[in-house]
Amino acid sequence: QEQLVESGGGLVEAGGSLRLSCAASGVSFSINAMGWYRQTPGKQRELVAARNRGGSVSYADSVKGRFTISRDNAENTVYLEMNSLRPEDTAVYYCNAEDYRLTRALWGQGTQVTVSS
């Protein structure tokens, strides 16, 4: 069974830190990009950060300088280190994995991150 398993969400005070982890298992395609998206009620899911197998990264402007994405290619695992968290970072965070041709994608079940003011 193909799946992405996330962990590390929770409740933290503003200014605090959290680390999200996501591990892929049973995946039948070659994973290129792995990343994190987030979604709040009534809004579209948005990219937070992504990293491809070659090491290229992209970040949403709102998290640059505060969040860091890293990846273990051999283990198909991706991490998101979140520092200086703000209440507006509160969302459900989803892990994503895509193939090279952008024809296959997997999503995790989502993990809640809540930042209190």
N, C-alpha and C. Protein backbone atom coordinates (compact mmCIF):
# COMPACT_ATOMS: atom_id res chain seq x y z
N GLN A 1 0.84 -1.19 0.00
CA GLN A 1 0.00 0.00 0.00
C GLN A 1 0.87 1.24 0.00
N GLU A 2 0.63 2.11 -0.99
CA GLU A 2 1.38 3.35 -1.05
C GLU A 2 0.86 4.31 0.01
N GLN A 3 1.77 4.89 0.76
CA GLN A 3 1.33 5.86 1.76
C GLN A 3 2.46 6.78 2.18
N LEU A 4 2.03 7.95 2.65
CA LEU A 4 2.92 8.91 3.29
C LEU A 4 2.43 9.03 4.73
N VAL A 5 3.32 8.82 5.66
CA VAL A 5 2.95 8.87 7.07
C VAL A 5 3.63 10.08 7.72
N GLU A 6 2.80 10.97 8.24
CA GLU A 6 3.29 12.22 8.83
C GLU A 6 3.29 12.12 10.35
N SER A 7 4.15 12.92 10.94
CA SER A 7 4.17 13.03 12.40
C SER A 7 4.77 14.37 12.78
N GLY A 8 4.52 14.78 14.02
CA GLY A 8 5.19 15.95 14.54
C GLY A 8 4.33 17.18 14.74
N GLY A 9 3.08 17.14 14.34
CA GLY A 9 2.23 18.31 14.56
C GLY A 9 1.89 18.47 16.03
N GLY A 10 1.20 19.55 16.34
CA GLY A 10 0.80 19.77 17.72
C GLY A 10 0.50 21.22 18.01
N LEU A 11 0.44 21.52 19.29
CA LEU A 11 0.13 22.88 19.76
C LEU A 11 1.40 23.51 20.30
N VAL A 12 1.64 24.74 19.88
CA VAL A 12 2.84 25.45 20.34
C VAL A 12 2.50 26.93 20.48
N GLU A 13 3.20 27.61 21.35
CA GLU A 13 3.00 29.04 21.51
C GLU A 13 3.72 29.80 20.40
N ALA A 14 3.23 30.98 20.13
CA ALA A 14 3.88 31.84 19.14
C ALA A 14 5.35 32.03 19.50
N GLY A 15 6.19 31.94 18.48
CA GLY A 15 7.63 32.03 18.70
C GLY A 15 8.30 30.70 18.89
N GLY A 16 7.50 29.66 19.07
CA GLY A 16 8.03 28.33 19.31
C GLY A 16 8.40 27.61 18.02
N SER A 17 8.77 26.34 18.19
CA SER A 17 9.23 25.53 17.06
C SER A 17 8.56 24.17 17.06
N LEU A 18 8.43 23.62 15.86
CA LEU A 18 7.96 22.25 15.67
C LEU A 18 8.72 21.64 14.50
N ARG A 19 8.80 20.33 14.51
CA ARG A 19 9.44 19.62 13.41
C ARG A 19 8.47 18.55 12.91
N LEU A 20 8.16 18.65 11.61
CA LEU A 20 7.29 17.66 10.98
C LEU A 20 8.14 16.65 10.23
N SER A 21 7.68 15.41 10.24
CA SER A 21 8.35 14.35 9.50
C SER A 21 7.34 13.63 8.61
N CYS A 22 7.83 13.13 7.50
CA CYS A 22 6.97 12.39 6.58
C CYS A 22 7.80 11.29 5.94
N ALA A 23 7.30 10.07 6.04
CA ALA A 23 8.00 8.93 5.46
C ALA A 23 7.11 8.25 4.43
N ALA A 24 7.68 7.98 3.26
CA ALA A 24 6.96 7.29 2.20
C ALA A 24 7.23 5.79 2.31
N SER A 25 6.19 5.01 2.07
CA SER A 25 6.37 3.57 2.06
C SER A 25 5.47 2.95 1.00
N GLY A 26 5.94 1.84 0.44
CA GLY A 26 5.15 1.12 -0.55
C GLY A 26 4.93 1.87 -1.84
N VAL A 27 5.77 2.88 -2.11
CA VAL A 27 5.55 3.72 -3.29
C VAL A 27 6.03 3.01 -4.54
N SER A 28 5.20 2.99 -5.58
CA SER A 28 5.50 2.22 -6.78
C SER A 28 6.17 3.05 -7.86
N PHE A 29 6.34 4.35 -7.64
CA PHE A 29 6.98 5.18 -8.64
C PHE A 29 8.21 5.84 -8.04
N SER A 30 9.07 6.34 -8.93
CA SER A 30 10.27 7.04 -8.47
C SER A 30 9.88 8.45 -8.02
N ILE A 31 10.14 8.74 -6.77
CA ILE A 31 9.78 10.04 -6.23
C ILE A 31 10.82 11.08 -6.61
N ASN A 32 10.36 12.21 -7.15
CA ASN A 32 11.25 13.34 -7.39
C ASN A 32 11.06 14.35 -6.27
N ALA A 33 9.99 15.09 -6.33
CA ALA A 33 9.78 16.14 -5.34
C ALA A 33 9.01 15.61 -4.13
N MET A 34 9.42 16.07 -2.98
CA MET A 34 8.65 15.86 -1.74
C MET A 34 8.50 17.23 -1.08
N GLY A 35 7.36 17.44 -0.48
CA GLY A 35 7.15 18.74 0.11
C GLY A 35 6.00 18.77 1.08
N TRP A 36 5.73 19.98 1.54
CA TRP A 36 4.67 20.23 2.52
C TRP A 36 3.73 21.31 2.01
N TYR A 37 2.47 21.06 2.17
CA TYR A 37 1.42 22.02 1.88
C TYR A 37 0.63 22.22 3.16
N ARG A 38 -0.15 23.30 3.19
CA ARG A 38 -1.02 23.51 4.34
C ARG A 38 -2.36 24.07 3.89
N GLN A 39 -3.34 23.85 4.74
CA GLN A 39 -4.70 24.28 4.39
C GLN A 39 -5.43 24.67 5.66
N THR A 40 -6.18 25.78 5.56
CA THR A 40 -7.07 26.22 6.62
C THR A 40 -8.50 26.19 6.09
N PRO A 41 -9.48 26.12 6.97
CA PRO A 41 -10.88 26.01 6.52
C PRO A 41 -11.26 27.14 5.58
N GLY A 42 -11.87 26.78 4.47
CA GLY A 42 -12.35 27.76 3.51
C GLY A 42 -11.30 28.28 2.55
N LYS A 43 -10.07 27.80 2.68
CA LYS A 43 -9.00 28.26 1.81
C LYS A 43 -8.41 27.10 1.02
N GLN A 44 -7.77 27.44 -0.09
CA GLN A 44 -7.12 26.42 -0.90
C GLN A 44 -5.84 25.95 -0.23
N ARG A 45 -5.50 24.72 -0.53
CA ARG A 45 -4.23 24.19 -0.04
C ARG A 45 -3.09 24.94 -0.72
N GLU A 46 -2.10 25.33 0.06
CA GLU A 46 -0.99 26.12 -0.48
C GLU A 46 0.34 25.44 -0.20
N LEU A 47 1.27 25.66 -1.11
CA LEU A 47 2.61 25.13 -0.94
C LEU A 47 3.31 25.86 0.20
N VAL A 48 3.95 25.11 1.08
CA VAL A 48 4.78 25.68 2.12
C VAL A 48 6.25 25.57 1.72
N ALA A 49 6.67 24.36 1.37
CA ALA A 49 8.06 24.13 0.97
C ALA A 49 8.14 22.82 0.22
N ALA A 50 9.07 22.75 -0.72
CA ALA A 50 9.28 21.52 -1.48
C ALA A 50 10.75 21.39 -1.82
N ARG A 51 11.16 20.14 -1.97
CA ARG A 51 12.56 19.86 -2.31
C ARG A 51 12.58 18.69 -3.27
N ASN A 52 13.30 18.87 -4.41
CA ASN A 52 13.37 17.75 -5.33
C ASN A 52 14.60 16.89 -5.03
N ARG A 53 14.69 15.79 -5.74
CA ARG A 53 15.76 14.84 -5.45
C ARG A 53 17.14 15.45 -5.67
N GLY A 54 17.21 16.40 -6.60
CA GLY A 54 18.48 17.05 -6.88
C GLY A 54 18.89 18.09 -5.86
N GLY A 55 17.98 18.45 -4.98
CA GLY A 55 18.31 19.40 -3.93
C GLY A 55 17.72 20.78 -4.10
N SER A 56 17.04 21.04 -5.21
CA SER A 56 16.42 22.35 -5.39
C SER A 56 15.24 22.49 -4.45
N VAL A 57 15.15 23.68 -3.83
CA VAL A 57 14.08 23.90 -2.85
C VAL A 57 13.27 25.14 -3.23
N SER A 58 12.05 25.16 -2.77
CA SER A 58 11.21 26.34 -2.92
C SER A 58 10.41 26.51 -1.64
N TYR A 59 10.17 27.76 -1.28
CA TYR A 59 9.44 28.11 -0.07
C TYR A 59 8.37 29.15 -0.39
N ALA A 60 7.28 29.08 0.34
CA ALA A 60 6.32 30.18 0.30
C ALA A 60 6.99 31.41 0.91
N ASP A 61 6.67 32.58 0.38
CA ASP A 61 7.29 33.81 0.88
C ASP A 61 7.05 33.98 2.38
N SER A 62 5.90 33.54 2.84
CA SER A 62 5.52 33.76 4.23
C SER A 62 6.35 32.96 5.23
N VAL A 63 7.07 31.93 4.74
CA VAL A 63 7.83 31.09 5.66
C VAL A 63 9.33 31.19 5.44
N LYS A 64 9.75 31.94 4.44
CA LYS A 64 11.19 32.07 4.16
C LYS A 64 11.91 32.63 5.38
N GLY A 65 13.02 32.03 5.71
CA GLY A 65 13.80 32.46 6.86
C GLY A 65 13.34 31.86 8.18
N ARG A 66 12.19 31.22 8.19
CA ARG A 66 11.67 30.61 9.42
C ARG A 66 11.57 29.09 9.33
N PHE A 67 11.23 28.59 8.14
CA PHE A 67 11.06 27.15 7.94
C PHE A 67 12.21 26.61 7.10
N THR A 68 12.58 25.37 7.36
CA THR A 68 13.62 24.71 6.59
C THR A 68 13.17 23.31 6.24
N ILE A 69 13.23 23.00 4.94
CA ILE A 69 12.88 21.65 4.50
C ILE A 69 14.16 20.86 4.27
N SER A 70 14.15 19.62 4.69
CA SER A 70 15.29 18.75 4.44
C SER A 70 14.76 17.37 4.05
N ARG A 71 15.65 16.57 3.53
CA ARG A 71 15.17 15.31 2.95
C ARG A 71 16.26 14.25 3.01
N ASP A 72 15.83 13.04 3.22
CA ASP A 72 16.69 11.86 3.11
C ASP A 72 16.23 11.09 1.89
N ASN A 73 16.95 11.25 0.79
CA ASN A 73 16.52 10.61 -0.46
C ASN A 73 16.50 9.09 -0.35
N ALA A 74 17.49 8.55 0.33
CA ALA A 74 17.58 7.10 0.43
C ALA A 74 16.40 6.50 1.18
N GLU A 75 15.89 7.25 2.15
CA GLU A 75 14.78 6.76 2.97
C GLU A 75 13.43 7.32 2.52
N ASN A 76 13.43 8.13 1.48
CA ASN A 76 12.18 8.78 1.03
C ASN A 76 11.46 9.44 2.20
N THR A 77 12.21 10.22 2.92
CA THR A 77 11.68 10.92 4.08
C THR A 77 11.95 12.41 3.93
N VAL A 78 10.98 13.21 4.33
CA VAL A 78 11.13 14.65 4.25
C VAL A 78 10.76 15.26 5.60
N TYR A 79 11.45 16.33 5.95
CA TYR A 79 11.25 16.99 7.24
C TYR A 79 10.97 18.47 7.01
N LEU A 80 10.26 19.06 7.95
CA LEU A 80 10.03 20.49 7.92
C LEU A 80 10.30 21.04 9.31
N GLU A 81 11.37 21.80 9.42
CA GLU A 81 11.71 22.45 10.68
C GLU A 81 11.06 23.82 10.66
N MET A 82 10.19 24.06 11.63
CA MET A 82 9.43 25.31 11.68
C MET A 82 9.82 26.09 12.93
N ASN A 83 10.40 27.25 12.73
CA ASN A 83 10.83 28.11 13.83
C ASN A 83 10.07 29.43 13.79
N SER A 84 10.12 30.13 14.90
CA SER A 84 9.45 31.44 15.00
C SER A 84 8.01 31.34 14.52
N LEU A 85 7.32 30.35 14.99
CA LEU A 85 5.96 30.11 14.53
C LEU A 85 5.03 31.25 14.92
N ARG A 86 4.08 31.49 14.04
CA ARG A 86 3.09 32.57 14.22
C ARG A 86 1.69 31.98 14.22
N PRO A 87 0.74 32.68 14.82
CA PRO A 87 -0.64 32.16 14.79
C PRO A 87 -1.15 31.90 13.37
N GLU A 88 -0.70 32.69 12.42
CA GLU A 88 -1.15 32.49 11.04
C GLU A 88 -0.56 31.25 10.38
N ASP A 89 0.36 30.59 11.05
CA ASP A 89 0.87 29.31 10.56
C ASP A 89 -0.05 28.15 10.93
N THR A 90 -1.05 28.43 11.74
CA THR A 90 -2.00 27.40 12.14
C THR A 90 -2.71 26.85 10.93
N ALA A 91 -2.66 25.53 10.75
CA ALA A 91 -3.25 24.88 9.59
C ALA A 91 -3.08 23.37 9.73
N VAL A 92 -3.72 22.65 8.84
CA VAL A 92 -3.40 21.23 8.66
C VAL A 92 -2.30 21.16 7.61
N TYR A 93 -1.22 20.49 7.96
CA TYR A 93 -0.07 20.37 7.07
C TYR A 93 -0.08 18.99 6.42
N TYR A 94 0.07 18.98 5.10
CA TYR A 94 0.03 17.75 4.33
C TYR A 94 1.37 17.50 3.64
N CYS A 95 1.81 16.29 3.73
CA CYS A 95 3.00 15.87 3.00
C CYS A 95 2.61 15.46 1.59
N ASN A 96 3.50 15.72 0.65
CA ASN A 96 3.23 15.42 -0.76
C ASN A 96 4.47 14.81 -1.40
N ALA A 97 4.25 13.87 -2.29
CA ALA A 97 5.33 13.28 -3.07
C ALA A 97 4.89 13.18 -4.52
N GLU A 98 5.78 13.54 -5.45
CA GLU A 98 5.44 13.51 -6.86
C GLU A 98 6.52 12.81 -7.67
N ASP A 99 6.11 12.27 -8.81
CA ASP A 99 7.10 11.65 -9.69
C ASP A 99 7.72 12.71 -10.61
N TYR A 100 8.65 12.26 -11.45
CA TYR A 100 9.37 13.19 -12.32
C TYR A 100 8.48 13.80 -13.40
N ARG A 101 7.51 13.07 -13.85
CA ARG A 101 6.66 13.55 -14.94
C ARG A 101 5.42 14.29 -14.44
N LEU A 102 5.29 14.40 -13.14
CA LEU A 102 4.12 15.06 -12.53
C LEU A 102 2.83 14.35 -12.91
N THR A 103 2.92 13.06 -13.09
CA THR A 103 1.72 12.28 -13.40
C THR A 103 1.22 11.48 -12.22
N ARG A 104 2.07 11.34 -11.20
CA ARG A 104 1.68 10.60 -10.01
C ARG A 104 1.98 11.44 -8.79
N ALA A 105 1.05 11.41 -7.85
CA ALA A 105 1.24 12.16 -6.61
C ALA A 105 0.61 11.41 -5.46
N LEU A 106 1.20 11.52 -4.32
CA LEU A 106 0.67 10.95 -3.08
C LEU A 106 0.52 12.06 -2.06
N TRP A 107 -0.49 11.91 -1.22
CA TRP A 107 -0.70 12.86 -0.13
C TRP A 107 -0.77 12.12 1.20
N GLY A 108 -0.25 12.74 2.22
CA GLY A 108 -0.40 12.22 3.56
C GLY A 108 -1.78 12.54 4.11
N GLN A 109 -2.04 12.06 5.29
CA GLN A 109 -3.36 12.23 5.89
C GLN A 109 -3.52 13.61 6.54
N GLY A 110 -2.44 14.31 6.71
CA GLY A 110 -2.48 15.63 7.31
C GLY A 110 -2.19 15.60 8.80
N THR A 111 -1.50 16.62 9.27
CA THR A 111 -1.22 16.75 10.69
C THR A 111 -1.50 18.20 11.12
N GLN A 112 -2.19 18.35 12.21
CA GLN A 112 -2.62 19.67 12.66
C GLN A 112 -1.47 20.39 13.37
N VAL A 113 -1.26 21.63 12.96
CA VAL A 113 -0.33 22.52 13.66
C VAL A 113 -1.14 23.70 14.15
N THR A 114 -1.09 23.95 15.45
CA THR A 114 -1.81 25.06 16.04
C THR A 114 -0.84 25.93 16.81
N VAL A 115 -0.82 27.22 16.47
CA VAL A 115 0.07 28.17 17.13
C VAL A 115 -0.79 29.15 17.90
N SER A 116 -0.63 29.18 19.20
CA SER A 116 -1.42 30.07 20.05
C SER A 116 -0.70 31.40 20.23
N SER A 117 -1.51 32.45 20.34
CA SER A 117 -0.92 33.79 20.49
C SER A 117 -0.70 34.15 21.95
